[in-house]
């Protein structure tokens, strides 16, 4: 084989490996995006539940009752 043929085969091999790597990365990214969306929905649900059960915090300190040692 000539040097150019060897170089062409090497380049084709590299492209094939890069295609496989790109596909693997794409698959990983897709599954991570699905997991992020699932976790985001869970956080929204949990935040809604917390807001239902937790009393609203007053932003004005004078609205709070005095501590028991007064």
PDB file of N, CA and C in Angstrom:
ATOM      1  N   UNK A   1       0.834  -1.195   0.000  1.00  0.00           N
ATOM      2  CA  UNK A   1       0.000   0.000   0.000  1.00  0.00           C
ATOM      3  C   UNK A   1       0.870   1.246   0.000  1.00  0.00           C
ATOM      4  N   UNK A   2       0.346   2.241  -0.644  1.00  0.00           N
ATOM      5  CA  UNK A   2       1.089   3.489  -0.686  1.00  0.00           C
ATOM      6  C   UNK A   2       0.823   4.285   0.585  1.00  0.00           C
ATOM      7  N   UNK A   3       1.629   5.255   0.775  1.00  0.00           N
ATOM      8  CA  UNK A   3       1.525   6.100   1.963  1.00  0.00           C
ATOM      9  C   UNK A   3       0.189   6.840   2.002  1.00  0.00           C
ATOM     10  N   UNK A   4      -0.299   7.261   0.855  1.00  0.00           N
ATOM     11  CA  UNK A   4      -1.562   7.993   0.803  1.00  0.00           C
ATOM     12  C   UNK A   4      -2.720   7.056   1.159  1.00  0.00           C
ATOM     13  N   UNK A   5      -2.666   5.815   0.690  1.00  0.00           N
ATOM     14  CA  UNK A   5      -3.714   4.857   1.026  1.00  0.00           C
ATOM     15  C   UNK A   5      -3.735   4.568   2.530  1.00  0.00           C
ATOM     16  N   UNK A   6      -2.540   4.445   3.115  1.00  0.00           N
ATOM     17  CA  UNK A   6      -2.442   4.207   4.556  1.00  0.00           C
ATOM     18  C   UNK A   6      -2.996   5.400   5.338  1.00  0.00           C
ATOM     19  N   UNK A   7      -2.661   6.585   4.888  1.00  0.00           N
ATOM     20  CA  UNK A   7      -3.172   7.786   5.552  1.00  0.00           C
ATOM     21  C   UNK A   7      -4.699   7.850   5.438  1.00  0.00           C
ATOM     22  N   UNK A   8      -5.230   7.492   4.286  1.00  0.00           N
ATOM     23  CA  UNK A   8      -6.672   7.506   4.077  1.00  0.00           C
ATOM     24  C   UNK A   8      -7.358   6.492   4.997  1.00  0.00           C
ATOM     25  N   UNK A   9      -6.772   5.313   5.114  1.00  0.00           N
ATOM     26  CA  UNK A   9      -7.336   4.291   6.001  1.00  0.00           C
ATOM     27  C   UNK A   9      -7.281   4.767   7.453  1.00  0.00           C
ATOM     28  N   UNK A  10      -6.173   5.378   7.848  1.00  0.00           N
ATOM     29  CA  UNK A  10      -6.053   5.912   9.207  1.00  0.00           C
ATOM     30  C   UNK A  10      -7.109   6.987   9.464  1.00  0.00           C
ATOM     31  N   UNK A  11      -7.316   7.871   8.509  1.00  0.00           N
ATOM     32  CA  UNK A  11      -8.321   8.922   8.665  1.00  0.00           C
ATOM     33  C   UNK A  11      -9.724   8.332   8.741  1.00  0.00           C
ATOM     34  N   UNK A  12     -10.014   7.343   7.920  1.00  0.00           N
ATOM     35  CA  UNK A  12     -11.326   6.698   7.960  1.00  0.00           C
ATOM     36  C   UNK A  12     -11.551   5.991   9.300  1.00  0.00           C
ATOM     37  N   UNK A  13     -10.507   5.377   9.816  1.00  0.00           N
ATOM     38  CA  UNK A  13     -10.598   4.716  11.121  1.00  0.00           C
ATOM     39  C   UNK A  13     -10.861   5.744  12.215  1.00  0.00           C
ATOM     40  N   UNK A  14     -10.148   6.854  12.172  1.00  0.00           N
ATOM     41  CA  UNK A  14     -10.354   7.911  13.165  1.00  0.00           C
ATOM     42  C   UNK A  14     -11.775   8.460  13.102  1.00  0.00           C
ATOM     43  N   UNK A  15     -12.277   8.663  11.905  1.00  0.00           N
ATOM     44  CA  UNK A  15     -13.642   9.175  11.740  1.00  0.00           C
ATOM     45  C   UNK A  15     -14.649   8.177  12.294  1.00  0.00           C
ATOM     46  N   UNK A  16     -14.428   6.891  12.059  1.00  0.00           N
ATOM     47  CA  UNK A  16     -15.338   5.870  12.577  1.00  0.00           C
ATOM     48  C   UNK A  16     -15.344   5.888  14.101  1.00  0.00           C
ATOM     49  N   UNK A  17     -14.167   5.973  14.726  1.00  0.00           N
ATOM     50  CA  UNK A  17     -14.100   6.047  16.187  1.00  0.00           C
ATOM     51  C   UNK A  17     -14.737   7.336  16.709  1.00  0.00           C
ATOM     52  N   UNK A  18     -14.537   8.431  16.004  1.00  0.00           N
ATOM     53  CA  UNK A  18     -15.148   9.694  16.420  1.00  0.00           C
ATOM     54  C   UNK A  18     -16.664   9.627  16.305  1.00  0.00           C
ATOM     55  N   UNK A  19     -17.172   9.003  15.276  1.00  0.00           N
ATOM     56  CA  UNK A  19     -18.621   8.830  15.128  1.00  0.00           C
ATOM     57  C   UNK A  19     -19.186   8.026  16.295  1.00  0.00           C
ATOM     58  N   UNK A  20     -18.491   6.950  16.666  1.00  0.00           N
ATOM     59  CA  UNK A  20     -18.938   6.136  17.799  1.00  0.00           C
ATOM     60  C   UNK A  20     -18.912   6.946  19.096  1.00  0.00           C
ATOM     61  N   UNK A  21     -17.858   7.731  19.281  1.00  0.00           N
ATOM     62  CA  UNK A  21     -17.737   8.543  20.487  1.00  0.00           C
ATOM     63  C   UNK A  21     -18.817   9.607  20.531  1.00  0.00           C
ATOM     64  N   UNK A  22     -19.076  10.248  19.411  1.00  0.00           N
ATOM     65  CA  UNK A  22     -20.121  11.274  19.351  1.00  0.00           C
ATOM     66  C   UNK A  22     -21.479  10.658  19.671  1.00  0.00           C
ATOM     67  N   UNK A  23     -21.755   9.474  19.146  1.00  0.00           N
ATOM     68  CA  UNK A  23     -23.028   8.809  19.423  1.00  0.00           C
ATOM     69  C   UNK A  23     -23.146   8.457  20.905  1.00  0.00           C
ATOM     70  N   UNK A  24     -22.062   7.960  21.495  1.00  0.00           N
ATOM     71  CA  UNK A  24     -22.083   7.617  22.923  1.00  0.00           C
ATOM     72  C   UNK A  24     -22.301   8.867  23.772  1.00  0.00           C
ATOM     73  N   UNK A  25     -21.646   9.962  23.421  1.00  0.00           N
ATOM     74  CA  UNK A  25     -21.828  11.217  24.152  1.00  0.00           C
ATOM     75  C   UNK A  25     -23.248  11.742  23.988  1.00  0.00           C
ATOM     76  N   UNK A  26     -23.790  11.625  22.800  1.00  0.00           N
ATOM     77  CA  UNK A  26     -25.162  12.061  22.552  1.00  0.00           C
ATOM     78  C   UNK A  26     -26.153  11.245  23.377  1.00  0.00           C
ATOM     79  N   UNK A  27     -25.938   9.940  23.440  1.00  0.00           N
ATOM     80  CA  UNK A  27     -26.811   9.085  24.240  1.00  0.00           C
ATOM     81  C   UNK A  27     -26.737   9.460  25.718  1.00  0.00           C
ATOM     82  N   UNK A  28     -25.516   9.699  26.215  1.00  0.00           N
ATOM     83  CA  UNK A  28     -25.344  10.084  27.617  1.00  0.00           C
ATOM     84  C   UNK A  28     -26.004  11.428  27.889  1.00  0.00           C
ATOM     85  N   UNK A  29     -25.843  12.372  26.989  1.00  0.00           N
ATOM     86  CA  UNK A  29     -26.441  13.691  27.156  1.00  0.00           C
ATOM     87  C   UNK A  29     -27.960  13.614  27.152  1.00  0.00           C
ATOM     88  N   UNK A  30     -28.506  12.799  26.276  1.00  0.00           N
ATOM     89  CA  UNK A  30     -29.961  12.642  26.213  1.00  0.00           C
ATOM     90  C   UNK A  30     -30.505  12.057  27.508  1.00  0.00           C
ATOM     91  N   UNK A  31     -29.850  11.022  28.026  1.00  0.00           N
ATOM     92  CA  UNK A  31     -30.340  10.414  29.267  1.00  0.00           C
ATOM     93  C   UNK A  31     -30.180  11.374  30.440  1.00  0.00           C
ATOM     94  N   UNK A  32     -29.121  12.166  30.452  1.00  0.00           N
ATOM     95  CA  UNK A  32     -28.947  13.154  31.525  1.00  0.00           C
ATOM     96  C   UNK A  32     -30.010  14.239  31.430  1.00  0.00           C
ATOM     97  N   UNK A  33     -30.365  14.651  30.248  1.00  0.00           N
ATOM     98  CA  UNK A  33     -31.400  15.671  30.084  1.00  0.00           C
ATOM     99  C   UNK A  33     -32.744  15.152  30.581  1.00  0.00           C
ATOM    100  N   UNK A  34     -33.050  13.899  30.295  1.00  0.00           N
ATOM    101  CA  UNK A  34     -34.286  13.297  30.795  1.00  0.00           C
ATOM    102  C   UNK A  34     -34.276  13.266  32.315  1.00  0.00           C
ATOM    103  N   UNK A  35     -33.137  12.891  32.903  1.00  0.00           N
ATOM    104  CA  UNK A  35     -33.023  12.849  34.361  1.00  0.00           C
ATOM    105  C   UNK A  35     -33.146  14.244  34.971  1.00  0.00           C
ATOM    106  N   UNK A  36     -32.564  15.243  34.344  1.00  0.00           N
ATOM    107  CA  UNK A  36     -32.673  16.627  34.829  1.00  0.00           C
ATOM    108  C   UNK A  36     -34.126  17.079  34.807  1.00  0.00           C
ATOM    109  N   UNK A  37     -34.836  16.763  33.746  1.00  0.00           N
ATOM    110  CA  UNK A  37     -36.248  17.140  33.658  1.00  0.00           C
ATOM    111  C   UNK A  37     -37.070  16.443  34.738  1.00  0.00           C
ATOM    112  N   UNK A  38     -36.778  15.167  34.994  1.00  0.00           N
ATOM    113  CA  UNK A  38     -37.487  14.417  36.034  1.00  0.00           C
ATOM    114  C   UNK A  38     -37.210  15.028  37.404  1.00  0.00           C
ATOM    115  N   UNK A  39     -35.953  15.345  37.678  1.00  0.00           N
ATOM    116  CA  UNK A  39     -35.590  15.933  38.968  1.00  0.00           C
ATOM    117  C   UNK A  39     -36.186  17.329  39.133  1.00  0.00           C
ATOM    118  N   UNK A  40     -36.254  18.085  38.045  1.00  0.00           N
ATOM    119  CA  UNK A  40     -36.853  19.416  38.099  1.00  0.00           C
ATOM    120  C   UNK A  40     -38.329  19.319  38.464  1.00  0.00           C
ATOM    121  N   UNK A  41     -39.039  18.365  37.867  1.00  0.00           N
ATOM    122  CA  UNK A  41     -40.452  18.164  38.220  1.00  0.00           C
ATOM    123  C   UNK A  41     -40.599  17.770  39.682  1.00  0.00           C
ATOM    124  N   UNK A  42     -39.704  16.915  40.167  1.00  0.00           N
ATOM    125  CA  UNK A  42     -39.763  16.501  41.567  1.00  0.00           C
ATOM    126  C   UNK A  42     -39.535  17.679  42.502  1.00  0.00           C
ATOM    127  N   UNK A  43     -38.576  18.521  42.179  1.00  0.00           N
ATOM    128  CA  UNK A  43     -38.295  19.692  43.016  1.00  0.00           C
ATOM    129  C   UNK A  43     -39.498  20.621  43.048  1.00  0.00           C
ATOM    130  N   UNK A  44     -40.163  20.813  41.914  1.00  0.00           N
ATOM    131  CA  UNK A  44     -41.350  21.665  41.880  1.00  0.00           C
ATOM    132  C   UNK A  44     -42.454  21.084  42.751  1.00  0.00           C
ATOM    133  N   UNK A  45     -42.636  19.778  42.688  1.00  0.00           N
ATOM    134  CA  UNK A  45     -43.662  19.132  43.512  1.00  0.00           C
ATOM    135  C   UNK A  45     -43.323  19.279  44.989  1.00  0.00           C
ATOM    136  N   UNK A  46     -42.079  19.033  45.350  1.00  0.00           N
ATOM    137  CA  UNK A  46     -41.664  19.140  46.747  1.00  0.00           C
ATOM    138  C   UNK A  46     -41.788  20.572  47.241  1.00  0.00           C
ATOM    139  N   UNK A  47     -41.417  21.537  46.416  1.00  0.00           N
ATOM    140  CA  UNK A  47     -41.569  22.947  46.811  1.00  0.00           C
ATOM    141  C   UNK A  47     -43.033  23.285  47.051  1.00  0.00           C
ATOM    142  N   UNK A  48     -43.913  22.770  46.214  1.00  0.00           N
ATOM    143  CA  UNK A  48     -45.343  23.003  46.414  1.00  0.00           C
ATOM    144  C   UNK A  48     -45.822  22.389  47.712  1.00  0.00           C
ATOM    145  N   UNK A  49     -45.352  21.187  48.035  1.00  0.00           N
ATOM    146  CA  UNK A  49     -45.738  20.545  49.282  1.00  0.00           C
ATOM    147  C   UNK A  49     -45.211  21.302  50.490  1.00  0.00           C
ATOM    148  N   UNK A  50     -43.996  21.791  50.398  1.00  0.00           N
ATOM    149  CA  UNK A  50     -43.415  22.560  51.506  1.00  0.00           C
ATOM    150  C   UNK A  50     -44.215  23.828  51.727  1.00  0.00           C
ATOM    151  N   UNK A  51     -44.592  24.495  50.667  1.00  0.00           N
ATOM    152  CA  UNK A  51     -45.370  25.732  50.798  1.00  0.00           C
ATOM    153  C   UNK A  51     -46.737  25.462  51.419  1.00  0.00           C
ATOM    154  N   UNK A  52     -47.299  24.292  51.194  1.00  0.00           N
ATOM    155  CA  UNK A  52     -48.595  23.959  51.780  1.00  0.00           C
ATOM    156  C   UNK A  52     -48.488  23.768  53.288  1.00  0.00           C
ATOM    157  N   UNK A  53     -47.411  23.166  53.739  1.00  0.00           N
ATOM    158  CA  UNK A  53     -47.289  22.805  55.140  1.00  0.00           C
ATOM    159  C   UNK A  53     -46.507  23.813  55.979  1.00  0.00           C
ATOM    160  N   UNK A  54     -45.646  24.582  55.380  1.00  0.00           N
ATOM    161  CA  UNK A  54     -44.836  25.549  56.120  1.00  0.00           C
ATOM    162  C   UNK A  54     -45.576  26.880  56.190  1.00  0.00           C
ATOM    163  N   UNK A  55     -45.595  27.505  57.362  1.00  0.00           N
ATOM    164  CA  UNK A  55     -46.225  28.831  57.439  1.00  0.00           C
ATOM    165  C   UNK A  55     -45.376  29.850  56.687  1.00  0.00           C
ATOM    166  N   UNK A  56     -46.051  30.846  56.206  1.00  0.00           N
ATOM    167  CA  UNK A  56     -45.337  31.909  55.502  1.00  0.00           C
ATOM    168  C   UNK A  56     -44.421  32.636  56.481  1.00  0.00           C
ATOM    169  N   UNK A  57     -43.226  32.869  56.063  1.00  0.00           N
ATOM    170  CA  UNK A  57     -42.269  33.596  56.903  1.00  0.00           C
ATOM    171  C   UNK A  57     -42.493  35.089  56.738  1.00  0.00           C
ATOM    172  N   UNK A  58     -42.533  35.771  57.834  1.00  0.00           N
ATOM    173  CA  UNK A  58     -42.729  37.210  57.794  1.00  0.00           C
ATOM    174  C   UNK A  58     -41.408  37.876  57.469  1.00  0.00           C
ATOM    175  N   UNK A  59     -41.448  38.821  56.563  1.00  0.00           N
ATOM    176  CA  UNK A  59     -40.215  39.518  56.211  1.00  0.00           C
ATOM    177  C   UNK A  59     -39.946  40.688  57.162  1.00  0.00           C
ATOM    178  N   UNK A  60     -40.973  41.101  57.928  1.00  0.00           N
ATOM    179  CA  UNK A  60     -40.821  42.211  58.856  1.00  0.00           C
ATOM    180  C   UNK A  60     -40.585  41.653  60.262  1.00  0.00           C
ATOM    181  N   UNK A  61     -39.417  41.923  60.861  1.00  0.00           N
ATOM    182  CA  UNK A  61     -39.120  41.369  62.181  1.00  0.00           C
ATOM    183  C   UNK A  61     -40.068  41.874  63.264  1.00  0.00           C
ATOM    184  N   UNK A  62     -40.655  43.069  63.121  1.00  0.00           N
ATOM    185  CA  UNK A  62     -41.543  43.594  64.149  1.00  0.00           C
ATOM    186  C   UNK A  62     -42.872  42.828  64.187  1.00  0.00           C
ATOM    187  N   UNK A  63     -43.198  42.091  63.128  1.00  0.00           N
ATOM    188  CA  UNK A  63     -44.407  41.288  63.112  1.00  0.00           C
ATOM    189  C   UNK A  63     -44.269  39.988  63.920  1.00  0.00           C
ATOM    190  N   UNK A  64     -43.024  39.618  64.252  1.00  0.00           N
ATOM    191  CA  UNK A  64     -42.808  38.387  64.974  1.00  0.00           C
ATOM    192  C   UNK A  64     -43.081  38.583  66.463  1.00  0.00           C
ATOM    193  N   UNK A  65     -43.596  37.560  67.139  1.00  0.00           N
ATOM    194  CA  UNK A  65     -43.775  37.692  68.589  1.00  0.00           C
ATOM    195  C   UNK A  65     -42.426  37.741  69.291  1.00  0.00           C
ATOM    196  N   UNK A  66     -42.371  38.342  70.452  1.00  0.00           N
ATOM    197  CA  UNK A  66     -41.093  38.413  71.169  1.00  0.00           C
ATOM    198  C   UNK A  66     -40.687  37.034  71.652  1.00  0.00           C
ATOM    199  N   UNK A  67     -39.380  36.821  71.811  1.00  0.00           N
ATOM    200  CA  UNK A  67     -38.924  35.528  72.310  1.00  0.00           C
ATOM    201  C   UNK A  67     -39.442  35.303  73.735  1.00  0.00           C
ATOM    202  N   UNK A  68     -39.490  34.060  74.205  1.00  0.00           N
ATOM    203  CA  UNK A  68     -40.093  33.769  75.494  1.00  0.00           C
ATOM    204  C   UNK A  68     -39.355  34.358  76.707  1.00  0.00           C
ATOM    205  N   UNK A  69     -38.117  34.752  76.571  1.00  0.00           N
ATOM    206  CA  UNK A  69     -37.411  35.276  77.742  1.00  0.00           C
ATOM    207  C   UNK A  69     -37.742  36.745  78.028  1.00  0.00           C
ATOM    208  N   UNK A  70     -38.611  37.382  77.269  1.00  0.00           N
ATOM    209  CA  UNK A  70     -38.993  38.772  77.542  1.00  0.00           C
ATOM    210  C   UNK A  70     -40.158  38.831  78.464  1.00  0.00           C
TER     211      UNK A  70
END
